[in-house]
Amino acid sequence: MNSYSKDEIEEFLFEETALQDAGDWEGWFDLWAPGDIELWIPVHPSETDRERGAAIIQDTRSLLEQRVKQLLHRKLHSQMPATRTSRIIGNVRVLPSVVQGGVRAAGQLHLVEFRPGRSEVPGRSEVHNGVQTLAGRVEYQLVRLGRALKIKSKKIELINSDGCLYNIQTLL
């Protein structure tokens, strides 16, 4: 039986955000489990139906891998100049329900994204001087592969997901 400590899970999630902020997309993708995976950002934070609910992002392994390849491409127009980010994950909790071969965990994510050269759009308050802030609850399904934790699924419930979002230029 695998055991998972809150400290181990917190350190893993801290490492995930550090890799993302550093733009180490290959390192970040290596944190995902082999096989079927999912990154899901539903339009409505309380959505539970992956099949019928609307989603901002609902990526499987192949779609997520394609996004990573695009971010790594040196000539990606939307990343000239590159987006800079600062993420904080906190209030990490190990959830009581057990998943087959793994554990569920949740936390609160705050992401500040700066896009150099992005100008303000008149009448839109979500971007100010190139800065956009996103926040919400993140729920993970984590599995152990050898001694390492891996992400099996990640659901991000943005607090303003059903509002007006500016073009998100990074992976959450």
N, C-alpha and C. Protein backbone atom coordinates (compact mmCIF):
# COMPACT_ATOMS: atom_id res chain seq x y z
N MET A 1 0.85 -1.19 0.00
CA MET A 1 0.00 0.00 0.00
C MET A 1 0.89 1.25 0.00
N ASN A 2 0.63 2.14 -0.92
CA ASN A 2 1.38 3.39 -0.99
C ASN A 2 0.90 4.36 0.07
N SER A 3 1.83 5.07 0.68
CA SER A 3 1.43 6.13 1.60
C SER A 3 1.91 7.45 1.03
N TYR A 4 1.14 8.48 1.30
CA TYR A 4 1.42 9.81 0.77
C TYR A 4 1.35 10.79 1.92
N SER A 5 2.42 11.54 2.13
CA SER A 5 2.38 12.54 3.20
C SER A 5 2.04 13.90 2.61
N LYS A 6 1.44 14.73 3.43
CA LYS A 6 1.10 16.08 2.99
C LYS A 6 2.37 16.84 2.60
N ASP A 7 3.45 16.68 3.37
CA ASP A 7 4.71 17.36 3.04
C ASP A 7 5.23 16.94 1.68
N GLU A 8 5.18 15.65 1.37
CA GLU A 8 5.65 15.16 0.09
C GLU A 8 4.81 15.73 -1.06
N ILE A 9 3.51 15.77 -0.86
CA ILE A 9 2.61 16.30 -1.89
C ILE A 9 2.85 17.79 -2.08
N GLU A 10 2.99 18.54 -0.99
CA GLU A 10 3.28 19.98 -1.09
C GLU A 10 4.56 20.23 -1.85
N GLU A 11 5.62 19.52 -1.51
CA GLU A 11 6.90 19.71 -2.20
C GLU A 11 6.77 19.40 -3.70
N PHE A 12 6.00 18.38 -4.03
CA PHE A 12 5.77 18.03 -5.43
C PHE A 12 5.05 19.17 -6.16
N LEU A 13 4.01 19.73 -5.54
CA LEU A 13 3.26 20.82 -6.16
C LEU A 13 4.10 22.09 -6.24
N PHE A 14 4.93 22.34 -5.26
CA PHE A 14 5.85 23.48 -5.32
C PHE A 14 6.81 23.31 -6.50
N GLU A 15 7.30 22.09 -6.69
CA GLU A 15 8.21 21.82 -7.80
C GLU A 15 7.50 22.02 -9.14
N GLU A 16 6.24 21.60 -9.21
CA GLU A 16 5.49 21.80 -10.45
C GLU A 16 5.41 23.28 -10.81
N THR A 17 5.04 24.13 -9.85
CA THR A 17 4.91 25.55 -10.15
C THR A 17 6.27 26.18 -10.47
N ALA A 18 7.34 25.72 -9.82
CA ALA A 18 8.68 26.25 -10.10
C ALA A 18 9.09 25.91 -11.54
N LEU A 19 8.82 24.70 -11.99
CA LEU A 19 9.15 24.32 -13.36
C LEU A 19 8.36 25.16 -14.36
N GLN A 20 7.09 25.38 -14.08
CA GLN A 20 6.27 26.20 -14.97
C GLN A 20 6.79 27.63 -15.04
N ASP A 21 7.06 28.23 -13.89
CA ASP A 21 7.54 29.61 -13.88
C ASP A 21 8.91 29.76 -14.55
N ALA A 22 9.71 28.70 -14.51
CA ALA A 22 11.02 28.72 -15.17
C ALA A 22 10.90 28.44 -16.67
N GLY A 23 9.71 28.08 -17.13
CA GLY A 23 9.53 27.75 -18.54
C GLY A 23 10.13 26.42 -18.92
N ASP A 24 10.35 25.55 -17.94
CA ASP A 24 10.90 24.22 -18.19
C ASP A 24 9.74 23.28 -18.51
N TRP A 25 9.21 23.39 -19.72
CA TRP A 25 8.01 22.64 -20.09
C TRP A 25 8.27 21.15 -20.26
N GLU A 26 9.48 20.78 -20.67
CA GLU A 26 9.80 19.35 -20.73
C GLU A 26 9.86 18.76 -19.33
N GLY A 27 10.50 19.47 -18.40
CA GLY A 27 10.54 19.03 -17.01
C GLY A 27 9.16 18.94 -16.41
N TRP A 28 8.31 19.93 -16.72
CA TRP A 28 6.93 19.92 -16.22
C TRP A 28 6.16 18.74 -16.79
N PHE A 29 6.30 18.48 -18.08
CA PHE A 29 5.57 17.36 -18.71
C PHE A 29 6.04 16.03 -18.14
N ASP A 30 7.30 15.95 -17.70
CA ASP A 30 7.81 14.73 -17.08
C ASP A 30 7.15 14.44 -15.73
N LEU A 31 6.50 15.43 -15.14
CA LEU A 31 5.79 15.21 -13.88
C LEU A 31 4.48 14.45 -14.07
N TRP A 32 4.03 14.32 -15.31
CA TRP A 32 2.78 13.63 -15.60
C TRP A 32 3.01 12.13 -15.70
N ALA A 33 2.02 11.36 -15.28
CA ALA A 33 2.09 9.90 -15.32
C ALA A 33 2.05 9.41 -16.76
N PRO A 34 2.61 8.24 -17.02
CA PRO A 34 2.47 7.65 -18.35
C PRO A 34 1.03 7.20 -18.56
N GLY A 35 0.64 7.03 -19.80
CA GLY A 35 -0.71 6.56 -20.11
C GLY A 35 -1.70 7.70 -20.16
N ASP A 36 -2.95 7.37 -19.84
CA ASP A 36 -4.03 8.36 -19.92
C ASP A 36 -3.87 9.42 -18.83
N ILE A 37 -3.90 10.67 -19.25
CA ILE A 37 -3.85 11.81 -18.32
C ILE A 37 -4.87 12.84 -18.77
N GLU A 38 -5.18 13.80 -17.88
CA GLU A 38 -6.12 14.84 -18.26
C GLU A 38 -5.83 16.13 -17.51
N LEU A 39 -5.83 17.23 -18.26
CA LEU A 39 -5.81 18.58 -17.70
C LEU A 39 -7.15 19.20 -18.07
N TRP A 40 -7.94 19.58 -17.06
CA TRP A 40 -9.31 20.02 -17.31
C TRP A 40 -9.56 21.34 -16.59
N ILE A 41 -10.02 22.34 -17.36
CA ILE A 41 -10.45 23.62 -16.79
C ILE A 41 -11.89 23.84 -17.24
N PRO A 42 -12.86 23.49 -16.40
CA PRO A 42 -14.26 23.66 -16.80
C PRO A 42 -14.65 25.14 -16.81
N VAL A 43 -15.65 25.46 -17.63
CA VAL A 43 -16.15 26.83 -17.68
C VAL A 43 -16.79 27.21 -16.35
N HIS A 44 -17.54 26.30 -15.77
CA HIS A 44 -18.19 26.55 -14.48
C HIS A 44 -17.41 25.82 -13.39
N PRO A 45 -16.93 26.53 -12.38
CA PRO A 45 -16.09 25.91 -11.36
C PRO A 45 -16.71 24.68 -10.68
N SER A 46 -18.01 24.62 -10.59
CA SER A 46 -18.65 23.49 -9.91
C SER A 46 -18.95 22.32 -10.85
N GLU A 47 -18.54 22.42 -12.10
CA GLU A 47 -18.84 21.37 -13.08
C GLU A 47 -18.21 20.03 -12.68
N THR A 48 -18.98 18.97 -12.78
CA THR A 48 -18.47 17.63 -12.47
C THR A 48 -18.57 16.69 -13.67
N ASP A 49 -19.31 17.07 -14.69
CA ASP A 49 -19.53 16.20 -15.84
C ASP A 49 -18.55 16.53 -16.97
N ARG A 50 -17.49 15.75 -17.06
CA ARG A 50 -16.47 15.98 -18.08
C ARG A 50 -17.00 15.76 -19.49
N GLU A 51 -17.98 14.90 -19.64
CA GLU A 51 -18.51 14.54 -20.95
C GLU A 51 -19.42 15.62 -21.54
N ARG A 52 -20.28 16.20 -20.72
CA ARG A 52 -21.27 17.16 -21.24
C ARG A 52 -21.03 18.60 -20.85
N GLY A 53 -20.17 18.83 -19.87
CA GLY A 53 -19.90 20.19 -19.42
C GLY A 53 -18.96 20.93 -20.36
N ALA A 54 -19.15 22.24 -20.45
CA ALA A 54 -18.28 23.07 -21.28
C ALA A 54 -16.93 23.24 -20.59
N ALA A 55 -15.87 23.31 -21.39
CA ALA A 55 -14.52 23.42 -20.84
C ALA A 55 -13.72 24.49 -21.57
N ILE A 56 -12.87 25.18 -20.82
CA ILE A 56 -11.90 26.09 -21.40
C ILE A 56 -10.77 25.26 -22.00
N ILE A 57 -10.32 24.27 -21.23
CA ILE A 57 -9.32 23.31 -21.68
C ILE A 57 -9.74 21.94 -21.17
N GLN A 58 -9.63 20.96 -22.03
CA GLN A 58 -9.82 19.56 -21.63
C GLN A 58 -8.85 18.73 -22.46
N ASP A 59 -7.62 18.69 -21.98
CA ASP A 59 -6.53 18.07 -22.73
C ASP A 59 -6.25 16.65 -22.27
N THR A 60 -6.07 15.79 -23.23
CA THR A 60 -5.55 14.45 -23.00
C THR A 60 -4.04 14.50 -23.20
N ARG A 61 -3.38 13.36 -23.09
CA ARG A 61 -1.93 13.34 -23.26
C ARG A 61 -1.50 13.94 -24.60
N SER A 62 -2.14 13.55 -25.70
CA SER A 62 -1.69 14.03 -27.01
C SER A 62 -1.88 15.54 -27.15
N LEU A 63 -2.98 16.08 -26.65
CA LEU A 63 -3.20 17.54 -26.74
C LEU A 63 -2.23 18.30 -25.84
N LEU A 64 -2.00 17.79 -24.65
CA LEU A 64 -1.08 18.45 -23.73
C LEU A 64 0.35 18.39 -24.28
N GLU A 65 0.71 17.27 -24.86
CA GLU A 65 2.03 17.14 -25.47
C GLU A 65 2.20 18.14 -26.62
N GLN A 66 1.14 18.35 -27.40
CA GLN A 66 1.19 19.32 -28.49
C GLN A 66 1.36 20.74 -27.96
N ARG A 67 0.67 21.09 -26.89
CA ARG A 67 0.83 22.42 -26.29
C ARG A 67 2.27 22.64 -25.82
N VAL A 68 2.85 21.61 -25.20
CA VAL A 68 4.23 21.72 -24.72
C VAL A 68 5.17 21.92 -25.91
N LYS A 69 5.00 21.16 -26.97
CA LYS A 69 5.84 21.32 -28.16
C LYS A 69 5.73 22.73 -28.73
N GLN A 70 4.52 23.28 -28.73
CA GLN A 70 4.35 24.64 -29.24
C GLN A 70 5.07 25.65 -28.37
N LEU A 71 4.98 25.50 -27.05
CA LEU A 71 5.67 26.42 -26.15
C LEU A 71 7.20 26.32 -26.28
N LEU A 72 7.70 25.15 -26.64
CA LEU A 72 9.14 24.96 -26.79
C LEU A 72 9.67 25.45 -28.13
N HIS A 73 8.78 25.67 -29.08
CA HIS A 73 9.19 26.10 -30.41
C HIS A 73 9.69 27.54 -30.34
N ARG A 74 10.92 27.77 -30.76
CA ARG A 74 11.54 29.09 -30.64
C ARG A 74 10.84 30.16 -31.47
N LYS A 75 10.10 29.76 -32.48
CA LYS A 75 9.48 30.75 -33.37
C LYS A 75 7.98 30.89 -33.12
N LEU A 76 7.51 30.48 -31.94
CA LEU A 76 6.09 30.61 -31.62
C LEU A 76 5.74 32.09 -31.50
N HIS A 77 4.95 32.58 -32.43
CA HIS A 77 4.65 34.01 -32.51
C HIS A 77 4.06 34.55 -31.20
N SER A 78 3.16 33.80 -30.60
CA SER A 78 2.50 34.30 -29.38
C SER A 78 3.45 34.39 -28.20
N GLN A 79 4.67 33.85 -28.33
CA GLN A 79 5.63 33.90 -27.24
C GLN A 79 6.88 34.72 -27.59
N MET A 80 6.69 35.70 -28.46
CA MET A 80 7.78 36.62 -28.81
C MET A 80 7.36 38.03 -28.43
N PRO A 81 7.81 38.57 -27.34
CA PRO A 81 8.66 38.00 -26.32
C PRO A 81 7.87 37.04 -25.41
N ALA A 82 8.60 36.24 -24.66
CA ALA A 82 7.99 35.19 -23.84
C ALA A 82 7.17 35.76 -22.69
N THR A 83 6.09 35.06 -22.38
CA THR A 83 5.27 35.37 -21.22
C THR A 83 6.06 35.03 -19.96
N ARG A 84 5.94 35.88 -18.94
CA ARG A 84 6.57 35.61 -17.64
C ARG A 84 5.47 35.38 -16.63
N THR A 85 5.69 34.43 -15.72
CA THR A 85 4.67 34.08 -14.75
C THR A 85 5.23 33.95 -13.35
N SER A 86 4.32 34.08 -12.40
CA SER A 86 4.63 33.81 -11.00
C SER A 86 3.42 33.09 -10.41
N ARG A 87 3.66 31.87 -9.95
CA ARG A 87 2.58 31.06 -9.39
C ARG A 87 2.82 30.82 -7.91
N ILE A 88 1.73 30.79 -7.19
CA ILE A 88 1.77 30.39 -5.78
C ILE A 88 0.70 29.33 -5.60
N ILE A 89 1.09 28.21 -5.03
CA ILE A 89 0.09 27.20 -4.65
C ILE A 89 0.15 27.07 -3.14
N GLY A 90 -1.01 27.09 -2.53
CA GLY A 90 -1.07 27.02 -1.07
C GLY A 90 -2.33 26.32 -0.61
N ASN A 91 -2.50 26.29 0.70
CA ASN A 91 -3.64 25.61 1.32
C ASN A 91 -3.78 24.19 0.78
N VAL A 92 -2.64 23.51 0.63
CA VAL A 92 -2.65 22.15 0.09
C VAL A 92 -3.26 21.20 1.11
N ARG A 93 -4.14 20.36 0.61
CA ARG A 93 -4.82 19.37 1.45
C ARG A 93 -4.79 18.01 0.76
N VAL A 94 -4.65 16.98 1.54
CA VAL A 94 -4.84 15.62 1.04
C VAL A 94 -6.31 15.32 1.24
N LEU A 95 -6.99 14.97 0.15
CA LEU A 95 -8.43 14.74 0.23
C LEU A 95 -8.71 13.33 0.75
N PRO A 96 -9.81 13.19 1.50
CA PRO A 96 -10.07 11.91 2.16
C PRO A 96 -10.41 10.74 1.23
N SER A 97 -10.99 11.01 0.09
CA SER A 97 -11.36 9.89 -0.77
C SER A 97 -10.13 9.35 -1.49
N VAL A 98 -10.07 8.05 -1.58
CA VAL A 98 -8.93 7.36 -2.17
C VAL A 98 -9.26 7.05 -3.62
N VAL A 99 -8.27 7.16 -4.49
CA VAL A 99 -8.43 6.76 -5.88
C VAL A 99 -7.55 5.54 -6.11
N GLN A 100 -7.92 4.74 -7.07
CA GLN A 100 -7.18 3.51 -7.32
C GLN A 100 -5.71 3.79 -7.61
N GLY A 101 -4.85 3.28 -6.76
CA GLY A 101 -3.42 3.41 -6.97
C GLY A 101 -2.87 4.80 -6.72
N GLY A 102 -3.62 5.67 -6.10
CA GLY A 102 -3.13 7.02 -5.91
C GLY A 102 -3.84 7.77 -4.80
N VAL A 103 -3.72 9.09 -4.87
CA VAL A 103 -4.28 9.96 -3.86
C VAL A 103 -4.83 11.21 -4.53
N ARG A 104 -5.84 11.81 -3.93
CA ARG A 104 -6.36 13.08 -4.40
C ARG A 104 -5.85 14.17 -3.46
N ALA A 105 -5.48 15.30 -4.06
CA ALA A 105 -5.02 16.45 -3.29
C ALA A 105 -5.59 17.71 -3.93
N ALA A 106 -5.70 18.76 -3.14
CA ALA A 106 -6.23 20.03 -3.66
C ALA A 106 -5.45 21.18 -3.04
N GLY A 107 -5.50 22.31 -3.72
CA GLY A 107 -4.86 23.51 -3.22
C GLY A 107 -5.44 24.73 -3.92
N GLN A 108 -4.99 25.88 -3.52
CA GLN A 108 -5.40 27.14 -4.12
C GLN A 108 -4.25 27.66 -4.97
N LEU A 109 -4.55 28.04 -6.21
CA LEU A 109 -3.54 28.53 -7.14
C LEU A 109 -3.77 30.02 -7.41
N HIS A 110 -2.69 30.78 -7.34
CA HIS A 110 -2.69 32.18 -7.76
C HIS A 110 -1.61 32.32 -8.81
N LEU A 111 -1.99 32.80 -9.98
CA LEU A 111 -1.06 32.94 -11.10
C LEU A 111 -1.11 34.37 -11.60
N VAL A 112 0.05 35.00 -11.66
CA VAL A 112 0.18 36.31 -12.28
C VAL A 112 0.96 36.09 -13.57
N GLU A 113 0.38 36.54 -14.67
CA GLU A 113 0.97 36.36 -15.98
C GLU A 113 1.27 37.74 -16.57
N PHE A 114 2.52 37.95 -17.00
CA PHE A 114 2.90 39.19 -17.64
C PHE A 114 3.29 38.90 -19.07
N ARG A 115 2.67 39.60 -19.96
CA ARG A 115 2.94 39.44 -21.39
C ARG A 115 3.56 40.74 -21.88
N PRO A 116 4.90 40.79 -22.04
CA PRO A 116 5.53 42.01 -22.53
C PRO A 116 4.93 42.43 -23.87
N GLY A 117 4.64 43.70 -23.98
CA GLY A 117 4.08 44.21 -25.22
C GLY A 117 2.57 44.10 -25.33
N ARG A 118 1.93 43.40 -24.39
CA ARG A 118 0.47 43.29 -24.43
C ARG A 118 -0.10 44.60 -23.92
N SER A 119 -0.90 45.20 -24.71
CA SER A 119 -1.48 46.47 -24.30
C SER A 119 -2.86 46.24 -23.70
N GLU A 120 -3.29 47.23 -22.96
CA GLU A 120 -4.62 47.14 -22.38
C GLU A 120 -5.67 47.24 -23.47
N VAL A 121 -6.76 46.54 -23.24
CA VAL A 121 -7.88 46.57 -24.17
C VAL A 121 -8.94 47.48 -23.55
N PRO A 122 -9.33 48.55 -24.24
CA PRO A 122 -10.33 49.46 -23.67
C PRO A 122 -11.60 48.71 -23.26
N GLY A 123 -12.07 49.02 -22.07
CA GLY A 123 -13.30 48.41 -21.58
C GLY A 123 -13.12 47.03 -20.98
N ARG A 124 -11.88 46.53 -20.91
CA ARG A 124 -11.63 45.20 -20.34
C ARG A 124 -10.71 45.37 -19.14
N SER A 125 -11.17 44.96 -17.99
CA SER A 125 -10.42 45.19 -16.76
C SER A 125 -9.54 44.02 -16.35
N GLU A 126 -9.61 42.88 -17.06
CA GLU A 126 -8.85 41.72 -16.60
C GLU A 126 -7.36 41.80 -16.90
N VAL A 127 -6.94 42.72 -17.75
CA VAL A 127 -5.53 42.90 -18.05
C VAL A 127 -5.17 44.36 -17.78
N HIS A 128 -4.12 44.58 -16.98
CA HIS A 128 -3.67 45.93 -16.67
C HIS A 128 -2.17 45.98 -16.88
N ASN A 129 -1.71 46.83 -17.80
CA ASN A 129 -0.29 46.96 -18.12
C ASN A 129 0.36 45.62 -18.45
N GLY A 130 -0.37 44.79 -19.18
CA GLY A 130 0.18 43.50 -19.60
C GLY A 130 0.08 42.40 -18.58
N VAL A 131 -0.53 42.68 -17.42
CA VAL A 131 -0.61 41.70 -16.34
C VAL A 131 -2.03 41.17 -16.22
N GLN A 132 -2.13 39.84 -16.14
CA GLN A 132 -3.41 39.18 -15.91
C GLN A 132 -3.25 38.29 -14.67
N THR A 133 -4.24 38.29 -13.81
CA THR A 133 -4.22 37.45 -12.61
C THR A 133 -5.31 36.40 -12.73
N LEU A 134 -4.94 35.16 -12.48
CA LEU A 134 -5.88 34.05 -12.47
C LEU A 134 -5.76 33.35 -11.13
N ALA A 135 -6.87 32.91 -10.59
CA ALA A 135 -6.84 32.24 -9.29
C ALA A 135 -7.97 31.23 -9.22
N GLY A 136 -7.76 30.23 -8.39
CA GLY A 136 -8.81 29.24 -8.20
C GLY A 136 -8.33 28.02 -7.46
N ARG A 137 -9.20 27.04 -7.41
CA ARG A 137 -8.93 25.77 -6.74
C ARG A 137 -8.37 24.79 -7.76
N VAL A 138 -7.36 24.02 -7.35
CA VAL A 138 -6.77 23.00 -8.20
C VAL A 138 -6.92 21.66 -7.49
N GLU A 139 -7.42 20.68 -8.21
CA GLU A 139 -7.53 19.33 -7.66
C GLU A 139 -6.70 18.38 -8.51
N TYR A 140 -5.91 17.58 -7.84
CA TYR A 140 -5.01 16.64 -8.51
C TYR A 140 -5.40 15.21 -8.16
N GLN A 141 -5.15 14.32 -9.10
CA GLN A 141 -5.07 12.90 -8.81
C GLN A 141 -3.61 12.55 -9.05
N LEU A 142 -2.94 12.11 -7.99
CA LEU A 142 -1.52 11.79 -8.05
C LEU A 142 -1.33 10.29 -7.87
N VAL A 143 -0.33 9.75 -8.57
CA VAL A 143 0.02 8.34 -8.43
C VAL A 143 1.52 8.26 -8.18
N ARG A 144 1.94 7.13 -7.62
CA ARG A 144 3.35 6.92 -7.37
C ARG A 144 3.89 6.00 -8.46
N LEU A 145 5.03 6.41 -9.03
CA LEU A 145 5.73 5.60 -10.02
C LEU A 145 7.13 5.40 -9.47
N GLY A 146 7.40 4.22 -8.96
CA GLY A 146 8.65 4.01 -8.22
C GLY A 146 8.58 4.82 -6.94
N ARG A 147 9.55 5.73 -6.76
CA ARG A 147 9.53 6.60 -5.58
C ARG A 147 8.95 7.97 -5.88
N ALA A 148 8.68 8.25 -7.17
CA ALA A 148 8.26 9.59 -7.58
C ALA A 148 6.75 9.72 -7.68
N LEU A 149 6.25 10.90 -7.32
CA LEU A 149 4.85 11.22 -7.56
C LEU A 149 4.70 11.66 -9.01
N LYS A 150 3.54 11.37 -9.59
CA LYS A 150 3.21 11.78 -10.96
C LYS A 150 1.77 12.26 -10.98
N ILE A 151 1.46 13.17 -11.90
CA ILE A 151 0.11 13.71 -12.05
C ILE A 151 -0.66 12.82 -13.02
N LYS A 152 -1.80 12.32 -12.56
CA LYS A 152 -2.70 11.54 -13.41
C LYS A 152 -3.77 12.45 -13.99
N SER A 153 -4.27 13.35 -13.17
CA SER A 153 -5.24 14.33 -13.66
C SER A 153 -5.14 15.60 -12.83
N LYS A 154 -5.53 16.70 -13.46
CA LYS A 154 -5.49 18.01 -12.82
C LYS A 154 -6.71 18.79 -13.29
N LYS A 155 -7.51 19.23 -12.33
CA LYS A 155 -8.69 20.05 -12.62
C LYS A 155 -8.47 21.41 -11.98
N ILE A 156 -8.64 22.47 -12.78
CA ILE A 156 -8.46 23.83 -12.28
C ILE A 156 -9.81 24.53 -12.36
N GLU A 157 -10.30 24.97 -11.22
CA GLU A 157 -11.58 25.67 -11.12
C GLU A 157 -11.28 27.15 -10.92
N LEU A 158 -11.12 27.88 -12.02
CA LEU A 158 -10.84 29.31 -11.94
C LEU A 158 -12.04 30.04 -11.36
N ILE A 159 -11.78 30.99 -10.47
CA ILE A 159 -12.90 31.70 -9.84
C ILE A 159 -13.64 32.58 -10.83
N ASN A 160 -12.96 32.97 -11.92
CA ASN A 160 -13.62 33.82 -12.92
C ASN A 160 -13.74 33.09 -14.27
N SER A 161 -13.80 31.76 -14.24
CA SER A 161 -13.81 30.98 -15.48
C SER A 161 -15.03 31.24 -16.34
N ASP A 162 -16.12 31.64 -15.74
CA ASP A 162 -17.33 31.92 -16.54
C ASP A 162 -17.44 33.42 -16.84
N GLY A 163 -16.38 34.16 -16.59
CA GLY A 163 -16.32 35.57 -16.92
C GLY A 163 -15.50 35.77 -18.19
N CYS A 164 -15.06 36.98 -18.37
CA CYS A 164 -14.29 37.33 -19.56
C CYS A 164 -12.80 37.10 -19.27
N LEU A 165 -12.23 36.13 -19.97
CA LEU A 165 -10.81 35.82 -19.81
C LEU A 165 -10.04 36.35 -21.01
N TYR A 166 -8.91 36.95 -20.74
CA TYR A 166 -8.02 37.38 -21.82
C TYR A 166 -7.27 36.13 -22.30
N ASN A 167 -6.67 36.19 -23.45
CA ASN A 167 -5.95 35.06 -24.02
C ASN A 167 -4.88 34.57 -23.04
N ILE A 168 -5.06 33.39 -22.48
CA ILE A 168 -4.10 32.82 -21.54
C ILE A 168 -2.91 32.31 -22.34
N GLN A 169 -1.72 32.80 -22.04
CA GLN A 169 -0.54 32.53 -22.85
C GLN A 169 0.38 31.47 -22.25
N THR A 170 -0.06 30.75 -21.24
CA THR A 170 0.79 29.76 -20.60
C THR A 170 -0.05 28.58 -20.17
N LEU A 171 0.60 27.50 -19.80
CA LEU A 171 -0.12 26.34 -19.27
C LEU A 171 -0.34 26.53 -17.79
N LEU A 172 -1.54 26.25 -17.35
CA LEU A 172 -1.86 26.39 -15.93
C LEU A 172 -1.54 25.10 -15.22
